[in-house]
Amino acid sequence: NHGLKAGMGKSQEEEEKAVACGYWHLWRYNPALEAEGKNPFTLDSKEPDWSGFQDFLKGEVRYASVMKQYPQEAEELFKAAEENAKWRYNSYKRLSKENWGAEVAE
């Protein structure tokens, strides 16, 4: 069920598409930076091109099978998945901008 419609030989290209459309986000966490007063969270993903999100889902076997079997429900679920991905990306952006070196004001 986790196959790719394009074939498993295209998995690296599919990973690239996942990041470009916002399905998957690239980030790093280095806890040693916190001891230096720096933000340990780094968001490496650029702003996604959300217009490709739905097409990406349709290229995944697991999502395509849902679309084939339950087309009306799939549309609603795909929209919810995109909204969730946008929320997650915005959360990561907020995390990457936090000031870890500042004292907390009381």
PDB file of N, CA and C in Angstrom:
ATOM      1  N   ASN A   1       0.808  -1.212   0.000  1.00  0.00           N
ATOM      2  CA  ASN A   1       0.000   0.000   0.000  1.00  0.00           C
ATOM      3  C   ASN A   1       0.849   1.273   0.000  1.00  0.00           C
ATOM      4  N   HIS A   2       2.119   1.150   0.302  1.00  0.00           N
ATOM      5  CA  HIS A   2       2.968   2.337   0.348  1.00  0.00           C
ATOM      6  C   HIS A   2       3.770   2.507  -0.934  1.00  0.00           C
ATOM      7  N   GLY A   3       3.305   1.890  -2.007  1.00  0.00           N
ATOM      8  CA  GLY A   3       3.994   1.989  -3.281  1.00  0.00           C
ATOM      9  C   GLY A   3       3.757   3.323  -3.969  1.00  0.00           C
ATOM     10  N   LEU A   4       4.474   3.503  -5.051  1.00  0.00           N
ATOM     11  CA  LEU A   4       4.363   4.716  -5.858  1.00  0.00           C
ATOM     12  C   LEU A   4       3.789   4.342  -7.214  1.00  0.00           C
ATOM     13  N   LYS A   5       2.864   5.145  -7.700  1.00  0.00           N
ATOM     14  CA  LYS A   5       2.293   4.869  -9.020  1.00  0.00           C
ATOM     15  C   LYS A   5       3.374   4.964 -10.098  1.00  0.00           C
ATOM     16  N   ALA A   6       4.372   5.797  -9.877  1.00  0.00           N
ATOM     17  CA  ALA A   6       5.460   5.948 -10.847  1.00  0.00           C
ATOM     18  C   ALA A   6       6.457   4.798 -10.764  1.00  0.00           C
ATOM     19  N   GLY A   7       6.366   3.966  -9.724  1.00  0.00           N
ATOM     20  CA  GLY A   7       7.284   2.853  -9.531  1.00  0.00           C
ATOM     21  C   GLY A   7       8.291   3.155  -8.431  1.00  0.00           C
ATOM     22  N   MET A   8       8.671   2.124  -7.715  1.00  0.00           N
ATOM     23  CA  MET A   8       9.586   2.304  -6.589  1.00  0.00           C
ATOM     24  C   MET A   8      10.977   2.756  -7.028  1.00  0.00           C
ATOM     25  N   GLY A   9      11.311   2.592  -8.294  1.00  0.00           N
ATOM     26  CA  GLY A   9      12.580   3.077  -8.816  1.00  0.00           C
ATOM     27  C   GLY A   9      12.649   4.603  -8.858  1.00  0.00           C
ATOM     28  N   LYS A  10      11.521   5.245  -8.651  1.00  0.00           N
ATOM     29  CA  LYS A  10      11.449   6.712  -8.670  1.00  0.00           C
ATOM     30  C   LYS A  10      11.312   7.285  -7.248  1.00  0.00           C
ATOM     31  N   SER A  11      11.737   6.524  -6.254  1.00  0.00           N
ATOM     32  CA  SER A  11      11.509   6.955  -4.869  1.00  0.00           C
ATOM     33  C   SER A  11      12.243   8.248  -4.515  1.00  0.00           C
ATOM     34  N   GLN A  12      13.444   8.456  -5.023  1.00  0.00           N
ATOM     35  CA  GLN A  12      14.154   9.702  -4.711  1.00  0.00           C
ATOM     36  C   GLN A  12      13.463  10.905  -5.335  1.00  0.00           C
ATOM     37  N   GLU A  13      12.980  10.751  -6.552  1.00  0.00           N
ATOM     38  CA  GLU A  13      12.241  11.843  -7.180  1.00  0.00           C
ATOM     39  C   GLU A  13      10.956  12.128  -6.412  1.00  0.00           C
ATOM     40  N   GLU A  14      10.326  11.066  -5.911  1.00  0.00           N
ATOM     41  CA  GLU A  14       9.093  11.216  -5.152  1.00  0.00           C
ATOM     42  C   GLU A  14       9.360  11.937  -3.824  1.00  0.00           C
ATOM     43  N   GLU A  15      10.497  11.647  -3.199  1.00  0.00           N
ATOM     44  CA  GLU A  15      10.873  12.343  -1.970  1.00  0.00           C
ATOM     45  C   GLU A  15      11.065  13.833  -2.238  1.00  0.00           C
ATOM     46  N   GLU A  16      11.694  14.142  -3.360  1.00  0.00           N
ATOM     47  CA  GLU A  16      11.899  15.541  -3.739  1.00  0.00           C
ATOM     48  C   GLU A  16      10.559  16.250  -3.944  1.00  0.00           C
ATOM     49  N   LYS A  17       9.617  15.566  -4.598  1.00  0.00           N
ATOM     50  CA  LYS A  17       8.284  16.131  -4.796  1.00  0.00           C
ATOM     51  C   LYS A  17       7.574  16.343  -3.462  1.00  0.00           C
ATOM     52  N   ALA A  18       7.747  15.398  -2.540  1.00  0.00           N
ATOM     53  CA  ALA A  18       7.095  15.496  -1.226  1.00  0.00           C
ATOM     54  C   ALA A  18       7.537  16.757  -0.489  1.00  0.00           C
ATOM     55  N   VAL A  19       8.805  17.084  -0.578  1.00  0.00           N
ATOM     56  CA  VAL A  19       9.324  18.292   0.074  1.00  0.00           C
ATOM     57  C   VAL A  19       8.866  19.539  -0.677  1.00  0.00           C
ATOM     58  N   ALA A  20       8.925  19.503  -2.002  1.00  0.00           N
ATOM     59  CA  ALA A  20       8.572  20.682  -2.808  1.00  0.00           C
ATOM     60  C   ALA A  20       7.112  21.088  -2.632  1.00  0.00           C
ATOM     61  N   CYS A  21       6.214  20.104  -2.470  1.00  0.00           N
ATOM     62  CA  CYS A  21       4.788  20.425  -2.360  1.00  0.00           C
ATOM     63  C   CYS A  21       4.334  20.617  -0.921  1.00  0.00           C
ATOM     64  N   GLY A  22       5.209  20.341   0.058  1.00  0.00           N
ATOM     65  CA  GLY A  22       4.838  20.559   1.453  1.00  0.00           C
ATOM     66  C   GLY A  22       4.322  19.333   2.179  1.00  0.00           C
ATOM     67  N   TYR A  23       4.327  18.181   1.524  1.00  0.00           N
ATOM     68  CA  TYR A  23       3.886  16.957   2.197  1.00  0.00           C
ATOM     69  C   TYR A  23       4.872  16.566   3.292  1.00  0.00           C
ATOM     70  N   TRP A  24       6.156  16.773   3.015  1.00  0.00           N
ATOM     71  CA  TRP A  24       7.217  16.430   3.958  1.00  0.00           C
ATOM     72  C   TRP A  24       8.108  17.647   4.125  1.00  0.00           C
ATOM     73  N   HIS A  25       8.596  17.869   5.324  1.00  0.00           N
ATOM     74  CA  HIS A  25       9.415  19.043   5.598  1.00  0.00           C
ATOM     75  C   HIS A  25      10.789  18.602   6.092  1.00  0.00           C
ATOM     76  N   LEU A  26      11.810  19.311   5.643  1.00  0.00           N
ATOM     77  CA  LEU A  26      13.177  19.001   6.060  1.00  0.00           C
ATOM     78  C   LEU A  26      13.593  19.945   7.178  1.00  0.00           C
ATOM     79  N   TRP A  27      14.061  19.360   8.272  1.00  0.00           N
ATOM     80  CA  TRP A  27      14.515  20.166   9.394  1.00  0.00           C
ATOM     81  C   TRP A  27      15.606  19.412  10.150  1.00  0.00           C
ATOM     82  N   ARG A  28      16.339  20.148  10.973  1.00  0.00           N
ATOM     83  CA  ARG A  28      17.403  19.570  11.806  1.00  0.00           C
ATOM     84  C   ARG A  28      17.215  20.045  13.246  1.00  0.00           C
ATOM     85  N   TYR A  29      17.633  19.224  14.178  1.00  0.00           N
ATOM     86  CA  TYR A  29      17.602  19.607  15.593  1.00  0.00           C
ATOM     87  C   TYR A  29      18.937  19.231  16.202  1.00  0.00           C
ATOM     88  N   ASN A  30      19.635  20.236  16.731  1.00  0.00           N
ATOM     89  CA  ASN A  30      20.930  20.018  17.358  1.00  0.00           C
ATOM     90  C   ASN A  30      20.865  20.575  18.779  1.00  0.00           C
ATOM     91  N   PRO A  31      20.633  19.714  19.781  1.00  0.00           N
ATOM     92  CA  PRO A  31      20.479  20.196  21.152  1.00  0.00           C
ATOM     93  C   PRO A  31      21.726  20.894  21.700  1.00  0.00           C
ATOM     94  N   ALA A  32      22.892  20.645  21.131  1.00  0.00           N
ATOM     95  CA  ALA A  32      24.119  21.304  21.594  1.00  0.00           C
ATOM     96  C   ALA A  32      24.064  22.813  21.360  1.00  0.00           C
ATOM     97  N   LEU A  33      23.318  23.260  20.378  1.00  0.00           N
ATOM     98  CA  LEU A  33      23.205  24.698  20.092  1.00  0.00           C
ATOM     99  C   LEU A  33      22.487  25.440  21.219  1.00  0.00           C
ATOM    100  N   GLU A  34      21.596  24.772  21.912  1.00  0.00           N
ATOM    101  CA  GLU A  34      20.865  25.426  22.998  1.00  0.00           C
ATOM    102  C   GLU A  34      21.826  25.873  24.100  1.00  0.00           C
ATOM    103  N   ALA A  35      22.865  25.096  24.382  1.00  0.00           N
ATOM    104  CA  ALA A  35      23.859  25.462  25.397  1.00  0.00           C
ATOM    105  C   ALA A  35      24.628  26.720  24.993  1.00  0.00           C
ATOM    106  N   GLU A  36      24.669  26.996  23.699  1.00  0.00           N
ATOM    107  CA  GLU A  36      25.340  28.196  23.190  1.00  0.00           C
ATOM    108  C   GLU A  36      24.377  29.373  23.080  1.00  0.00           C
ATOM    109  N   GLY A  37      23.140  29.180  23.513  1.00  0.00           N
ATOM    110  CA  GLY A  37      22.142  30.238  23.424  1.00  0.00           C
ATOM    111  C   GLY A  37      21.554  30.395  22.033  1.00  0.00           C
ATOM    112  N   LYS A  38      21.751  29.380  21.205  1.00  0.00           N
ATOM    113  CA  LYS A  38      21.241  29.422  19.840  1.00  0.00           C
ATOM    114  C   LYS A  38      20.017  28.514  19.717  1.00  0.00           C
ATOM    115  N   ASN A  39      19.240  28.760  18.697  1.00  0.00           N
ATOM    116  CA  ASN A  39      18.076  27.940  18.437  1.00  0.00           C
ATOM    117  C   ASN A  39      18.531  26.575  17.929  1.00  0.00           C
ATOM    118  N   PRO A  40      18.163  25.493  18.611  1.00  0.00           N
ATOM    119  CA  PRO A  40      18.589  24.164  18.166  1.00  0.00           C
ATOM    120  C   PRO A  40      17.801  23.631  16.972  1.00  0.00           C
ATOM    121  N   PHE A  41      16.724  24.318  16.592  1.00  0.00           N
ATOM    122  CA  PHE A  41      15.868  23.865  15.498  1.00  0.00           C
ATOM    123  C   PHE A  41      16.150  24.678  14.243  1.00  0.00           C
ATOM    124  N   THR A  42      16.418  23.989  13.130  1.00  0.00           N
ATOM    125  CA  THR A  42      16.660  24.636  11.844  1.00  0.00           C
ATOM    126  C   THR A  42      15.714  24.050  10.817  1.00  0.00           C
ATOM    127  N   LEU A  43      14.949  24.897  10.167  1.00  0.00           N
ATOM    128  CA  LEU A  43      14.053  24.471   9.092  1.00  0.00           C
ATOM    129  C   LEU A  43      14.785  24.640   7.776  1.00  0.00           C
ATOM    130  N   ASP A  44      15.004  23.532   7.080  1.00  0.00           N
ATOM    131  CA  ASP A  44      15.733  23.563   5.816  1.00  0.00           C
ATOM    132  C   ASP A  44      14.814  23.684   4.605  1.00  0.00           C
ATOM    133  N   SER A  45      13.552  23.300   4.750  1.00  0.00           N
ATOM    134  CA  SER A  45      12.610  23.366   3.633  1.00  0.00           C
ATOM    135  C   SER A  45      12.319  24.813   3.258  1.00  0.00           C
ATOM    136  N   LYS A  46      12.229  25.041   1.971  1.00  0.00           N
ATOM    137  CA  LYS A  46      11.785  26.344   1.478  1.00  0.00           C
ATOM    138  C   LYS A  46      10.262  26.374   1.522  1.00  0.00           C
ATOM    139  N   GLU A  47       9.688  27.547   1.320  1.00  0.00           N
ATOM    140  CA  GLU A  47       8.225  27.658   1.278  1.00  0.00           C
ATOM    141  C   GLU A  47       7.705  26.706   0.196  1.00  0.00           C
ATOM    142  N   PRO A  48       6.817  25.778   0.567  1.00  0.00           N
ATOM    143  CA  PRO A  48       6.330  24.801  -0.406  1.00  0.00           C
ATOM    144  C   PRO A  48       5.453  25.421  -1.490  1.00  0.00           C
ATOM    145  N   ASP A  49       5.386  24.737  -2.607  1.00  0.00           N
ATOM    146  CA  ASP A  49       4.448  25.077  -3.672  1.00  0.00           C
ATOM    147  C   ASP A  49       3.212  24.222  -3.433  1.00  0.00           C
ATOM    148  N   TRP A  50       2.296  24.765  -2.672  1.00  0.00           N
ATOM    149  CA  TRP A  50       1.121  24.008  -2.232  1.00  0.00           C
ATOM    150  C   TRP A  50       0.245  23.563  -3.394  1.00  0.00           C
ATOM    151  N   SER A  51       0.393  24.164  -4.553  1.00  0.00           N
ATOM    152  CA  SER A  51      -0.454  23.790  -5.690  1.00  0.00           C
ATOM    153  C   SER A  51      -0.204  22.349  -6.140  1.00  0.00           C
ATOM    154  N   GLY A  52       0.935  21.764  -5.780  1.00  0.00           N
ATOM    155  CA  GLY A  52       1.233  20.391  -6.172  1.00  0.00           C
ATOM    156  C   GLY A  52       0.887  19.352  -5.127  1.00  0.00           C
ATOM    157  N   PHE A  53       0.339  19.792  -4.000  1.00  0.00           N
ATOM    158  CA  PHE A  53       0.084  18.874  -2.888  1.00  0.00           C
ATOM    159  C   PHE A  53      -0.898  17.767  -3.271  1.00  0.00           C
ATOM    160  N   GLN A  54      -2.034  18.137  -3.842  1.00  0.00           N
ATOM    161  CA  GLN A  54      -3.056  17.151  -4.198  1.00  0.00           C
ATOM    162  C   GLN A  54      -2.535  16.174  -5.260  1.00  0.00           C
ATOM    163  N   ASP A  55      -1.782  16.674  -6.232  1.00  0.00           N
ATOM    164  CA  ASP A  55      -1.214  15.794  -7.257  1.00  0.00           C
ATOM    165  C   ASP A  55      -0.222  14.818  -6.647  1.00  0.00           C
ATOM    166  N   PHE A  56       0.535  15.278  -5.659  1.00  0.00           N
ATOM    167  CA  PHE A  56       1.460  14.372  -4.985  1.00  0.00           C
ATOM    168  C   PHE A  56       0.697  13.231  -4.320  1.00  0.00           C
ATOM    169  N   LEU A  57      -0.378  13.568  -3.608  1.00  0.00           N
ATOM    170  CA  LEU A  57      -1.169  12.529  -2.944  1.00  0.00           C
ATOM    171  C   LEU A  57      -1.690  11.504  -3.949  1.00  0.00           C
ATOM    172  N   LYS A  58      -2.135  11.975  -5.091  1.00  0.00           N
ATOM    173  CA  LYS A  58      -2.706  11.083  -6.097  1.00  0.00           C
ATOM    174  C   LYS A  58      -1.657  10.164  -6.724  1.00  0.00           C
ATOM    175  N   GLY A  59      -0.381  10.504  -6.552  1.00  0.00           N
ATOM    176  CA  GLY A  59       0.703   9.665  -7.061  1.00  0.00           C
ATOM    177  C   GLY A  59       1.128   8.579  -6.094  1.00  0.00           C
ATOM    178  N   GLU A  60       0.571   8.578  -4.903  1.00  0.00           N
ATOM    179  CA  GLU A  60       0.872   7.563  -3.904  1.00  0.00           C
ATOM    180  C   GLU A  60      -0.217   6.492  -3.954  1.00  0.00           C
ATOM    181  N   VAL A  61       0.168   5.240  -3.997  1.00  0.00           N
ATOM    182  CA  VAL A  61      -0.790   4.145  -4.112  1.00  0.00           C
ATOM    183  C   VAL A  61      -1.812   4.170  -2.976  1.00  0.00           C
ATOM    184  N   ARG A  62      -1.353   4.394  -1.761  1.00  0.00           N
ATOM    185  CA  ARG A  62      -2.279   4.361  -0.620  1.00  0.00           C
ATOM    186  C   ARG A  62      -3.362   5.429  -0.727  1.00  0.00           C
ATOM    187  N   TYR A  63      -3.015   6.606  -1.220  1.00  0.00           N
ATOM    188  CA  TYR A  63      -4.006   7.668  -1.371  1.00  0.00           C
ATOM    189  C   TYR A  63      -4.859   7.458  -2.626  1.00  0.00           C
ATOM    190  N   ALA A  64      -4.240   6.977  -3.681  1.00  0.00           N
ATOM    191  CA  ALA A  64      -4.990   6.731  -4.913  1.00  0.00           C
ATOM    192  C   ALA A  64      -6.047   5.653  -4.693  1.00  0.00           C
ATOM    193  N   SER A  65      -5.740   4.662  -3.869  1.00  0.00           N
ATOM    194  CA  SER A  65      -6.722   3.612  -3.607  1.00  0.00           C
ATOM    195  C   SER A  65      -7.899   4.152  -2.799  1.00  0.00           C
ATOM    196  N   VAL A  66      -7.658   5.076  -1.899  1.00  0.00           N
ATOM    197  CA  VAL A  66      -8.752   5.712  -1.155  1.00  0.00           C
ATOM    198  C   VAL A  66      -9.607   6.524  -2.120  1.00  0.00           C
ATOM    199  N   MET A  67      -8.949   7.245  -3.018  1.00  0.00           N
ATOM    200  CA  MET A  67      -9.670   8.066  -3.986  1.00  0.00           C
ATOM    201  C   MET A  67     -10.537   7.200  -4.906  1.00  0.00           C
ATOM    202  N   LYS A  68     -10.019   6.048  -5.268  1.00  0.00           N
ATOM    203  CA  LYS A  68     -10.747   5.153  -6.158  1.00  0.00           C
ATOM    204  C   LYS A  68     -11.951   4.526  -5.456  1.00  0.00           C
ATOM    205  N   GLN A  69     -11.767   4.134  -4.211  1.00  0.00           N
ATOM    206  CA  GLN A  69     -12.826   3.439  -3.486  1.00  0.00           C
ATOM    207  C   GLN A  69     -13.842   4.389  -2.855  1.00  0.00           C
ATOM    208  N   TYR A  70     -13.364   5.543  -2.362  1.00  0.00           N
ATOM    209  CA  TYR A  70     -14.239   6.495  -1.667  1.00  0.00           C
ATOM    210  C   TYR A  70     -13.995   7.908  -2.205  1.00  0.00           C
ATOM    211  N   PRO A  71     -14.402   8.210  -3.416  1.00  0.00           N
ATOM    212  CA  PRO A  71     -14.046   9.500  -4.035  1.00  0.00           C
ATOM    213  C   PRO A  71     -14.534  10.729  -3.274  1.00  0.00           C
ATOM    214  N   GLN A  72     -15.740  10.710  -2.743  1.00  0.00           N
ATOM    215  CA  GLN A  72     -16.240  11.889  -2.027  1.00  0.00           C
ATOM    216  C   GLN A  72     -15.492  12.091  -0.712  1.00  0.00           C
ATOM    217  N   GLU A  73     -15.281  11.020   0.027  1.00  0.00           N
ATOM    218  CA  GLU A  73     -14.558  11.119   1.292  1.00  0.00           C
ATOM    219  C   GLU A  73     -13.096  11.498   1.053  1.00  0.00           C
ATOM    220  N   ALA A  74     -12.531  10.959  -0.032  1.00  0.00           N
ATOM    221  CA  ALA A  74     -11.123  11.230  -0.337  1.00  0.00           C
ATOM    222  C   ALA A  74     -10.880  12.713  -0.545  1.00  0.00           C
ATOM    223  N   GLU A  75     -11.779  13.387  -1.244  1.00  0.00           N
ATOM    224  CA  GLU A  75     -11.609  14.821  -1.479  1.00  0.00           C
ATOM    225  C   GLU A  75     -11.532  15.580  -0.161  1.00  0.00           C
ATOM    226  N   GLU A  76     -12.404  15.252   0.757  1.00  0.00           N
ATOM    227  CA  GLU A  76     -12.406  15.899   2.074  1.00  0.00           C
ATOM    228  C   GLU A  76     -11.142  15.551   2.863  1.00  0.00           C
ATOM    229  N   LEU A  77     -10.743  14.290   2.810  1.00  0.00           N
ATOM    230  CA  LEU A  77      -9.538  13.865   3.530  1.00  0.00           C
ATOM    231  C   LEU A  77      -8.280  14.495   2.947  1.00  0.00           C
ATOM    232  N   PHE A  78      -8.220  14.615   1.616  1.00  0.00           N
ATOM    233  CA  PHE A  78      -7.050  15.215   0.975  1.00  0.00           C
ATOM    234  C   PHE A  78      -6.939  16.700   1.343  1.00  0.00           C
ATOM    235  N   LYS A  79      -8.063  17.383   1.406  1.00  0.00           N
ATOM    236  CA  LYS A  79      -8.047  18.794   1.816  1.00  0.00           C
ATOM    237  C   LYS A  79      -7.576  18.914   3.260  1.00  0.00           C
ATOM    238  N   ALA A  80      -8.058  18.013   4.126  1.00  0.00           N
ATOM    239  CA  ALA A  80      -7.642  18.024   5.526  1.00  0.00           C
ATOM    240  C   ALA A  80      -6.142  17.741   5.651  1.00  0.00           C
ATOM    241  N   ALA A  81      -5.631  16.827   4.841  1.00  0.00           N
ATOM    242  CA  ALA A  81      -4.194  16.513   4.858  1.00  0.00           C
ATOM    243  C   ALA A  81      -3.374  17.730   4.450  1.00  0.00           C
ATOM    244  N   GLU A  82      -3.854  18.466   3.451  1.00  0.00           N
ATOM    245  CA  GLU A  82      -3.138  19.669   3.008  1.00  0.00           C
ATOM    246  C   GLU A  82      -3.169  20.747   4.085  1.00  0.00           C
ATOM    247  N   GLU A  83      -4.302  20.945   4.708  1.00  0.00           N
ATOM    248  CA  GLU A  83      -4.399  21.933   5.786  1.00  0.00           C
ATOM    249  C   GLU A  83      -3.493  21.559   6.945  1.00  0.00           C
ATOM    250  N   ASN A  84      -3.425  20.273   7.262  1.00  0.00           N
ATOM    251  CA  ASN A  84      -2.550  19.815   8.331  1.00  0.00           C
ATOM    252  C   ASN A  84      -1.090  20.055   7.979  1.00  0.00           C
ATOM    253  N   ALA A  85      -0.717  19.804   6.735  1.00  0.00           N
ATOM    254  CA  ALA A  85       0.666  20.038   6.297  1.00  0.00           C
ATOM    255  C   ALA A  85       1.017  21.520   6.373  1.00  0.00           C
ATOM    256  N   LYS A  86       0.071  22.385   6.024  1.00  0.00           N
ATOM    257  CA  LYS A  86       0.308  23.832   6.124  1.00  0.00           C
ATOM    258  C   LYS A  86       0.475  24.248   7.577  1.00  0.00           C
ATOM    259  N   TRP A  87      -0.362  23.708   8.446  1.00  0.00           N
ATOM    260  CA  TRP A  87      -0.257  24.014   9.872  1.00  0.00           C
ATOM    261  C   TRP A  87       1.102  23.570  10.409  1.00  0.00           C
ATOM    262  N   ARG A  88       1.521  22.356  10.032  1.00  0.00           N
ATOM    263  CA  ARG A  88       2.798  21.812  10.498  1.00  0.00           C
ATOM    264  C   ARG A  88       3.958  22.671  10.001  1.00  0.00           C
ATOM    265  N   TYR A  89       3.916  23.075   8.728  1.00  0.00           N
ATOM    266  CA  TYR A  89       4.990  23.905   8.180  1.00  0.00           C
ATOM    267  C   TYR A  89       5.064  25.244   8.918  1.00  0.00           C
ATOM    268  N   ASN A  90       3.920  25.852   9.165  1.00  0.00           N
ATOM    269  CA  ASN A  90       3.908  27.122   9.893  1.00  0.00           C
ATOM    270  C   ASN A  90       4.415  26.955  11.321  1.00  0.00           C
ATOM    271  N   SER A  91       4.131  25.832  11.945  1.00  0.00           N
ATOM    272  CA  SER A  91       4.658  25.556  13.287  1.00  0.00           C
ATOM    273  C   SER A  91       6.175  25.442  13.249  1.00  0.00           C
ATOM    274  N   TYR A  92       6.695  24.775  12.219  1.00  0.00           N
ATOM    275  CA  TYR A  92       8.141  24.658  12.077  1.00  0.00           C
ATOM    276  C   TYR A  92       8.785  26.018  11.825  1.00  0.00           C
ATOM    277  N   LYS A  93       8.122  26.864  11.039  1.00  0.00           N
ATOM    278  CA  LYS A  93       8.651  28.218  10.815  1.00  0.00           C
ATOM    279  C   LYS A  93       8.735  28.977  12.136  1.00  0.00           C
ATOM    280  N   ARG A  94       7.678  28.875  12.947  1.00  0.00           N
ATOM    281  CA  ARG A  94       7.698  29.554  14.254  1.00  0.00           C
ATOM    282  C   ARG A  94       8.834  29.027  15.123  1.00  0.00           C
ATOM    283  N   LEU A  95       9.000  27.713  15.163  1.00  0.00           N
ATOM    284  CA  LEU A  95      10.074  27.124  15.961  1.00  0.00           C
ATOM    285  C   LEU A  95      11.446  27.613  15.509  1.00  0.00           C
ATOM    286  N   SER A  96      11.629  27.733  14.208  1.00  0.00           N
ATOM    287  CA  SER A  96      12.937  28.129  13.676  1.00  0.00           C
ATOM    288  C   SER A  96      13.267  29.588  13.967  1.00  0.00           C
ATOM    289  N   LYS A  97      12.257  30.390  14.308  1.00  0.00           N
ATOM    290  CA  LYS A  97      12.479  31.811  14.571  1.00  0.00           C
ATOM    291  C   LYS A  97      12.551  32.147  16.055  1.00  0.00           C
ATOM    292  N   GLU A  98      12.368  31.152  16.918  1.00  0.00           N
ATOM    293  CA  GLU A  98      12.410  31.420  18.355  1.00  0.00           C
ATOM    294  C   GLU A  98      13.800  31.875  18.775  1.00  0.00           C
ATOM    295  N   ASN A  99      13.815  32.768  19.755  1.00  0.00           N
ATOM    296  CA  ASN A  99      15.059  33.309  20.283  1.00  0.00           C
ATOM    297  C   ASN A  99      15.452  32.520  21.522  1.00  0.00           C
ATOM    298  N   TRP A 100      16.393  31.619  21.383  1.00  0.00           N
ATOM    299  CA  TRP A 100      16.798  30.745  22.491  1.00  0.00           C
ATOM    300  C   TRP A 100      17.820  31.409  23.406  1.00  0.00           C
ATOM    301  N   GLY A 101      18.378  32.515  22.988  1.00  0.00           N
ATOM    302  CA  GLY A 101      19.400  33.163  23.798  1.00  0.00           C
ATOM    303  C   GLY A 101      18.867  34.220  24.738  1.00  0.00           C
ATOM    304  N   ALA A 102      17.597  34.551  24.658  1.00  0.00           N
ATOM    305  CA  ALA A 102      17.036  35.630  25.462  1.00  0.00           C
ATOM    306  C   ALA A 102      16.510  35.112  26.798  1.00  0.00           C
ATOM    307  N   GLU A 103      16.615  35.947  27.777  1.00  0.00           N
ATOM    308  CA  GLU A 103      16.034  35.631  29.077  1.00  0.00           C
ATOM    309  C   GLU A 103      14.532  35.779  29.004  1.00  0.00           C
ATOM    310  N   VAL A 104      13.824  34.985  29.759  1.00  0.00           N
ATOM    311  CA  VAL A 104      12.372  35.054  29.793  1.00  0.00           C
ATOM    312  C   VAL A 104      11.963  36.238  30.674  1.00  0.00           C
ATOM    313  N   ALA A 105      11.126  37.108  30.137  1.00  0.00           N
ATOM    314  CA  ALA A 105      10.640  38.280  30.891  1.00  0.00           C
ATOM    315  C   ALA A 105       9.531  37.837  31.844  1.00  0.00           C
ATOM    316  N   GLU A 106       9.619  38.317  33.054  1.00  0.00           N
ATOM    317  CA  GLU A 106       8.577  37.952  34.037  1.00  0.00           C
ATOM    318  C   GLU A 106       7.652  39.098  34.296  1.00  0.00           C
TER     319      GLU A 106
END
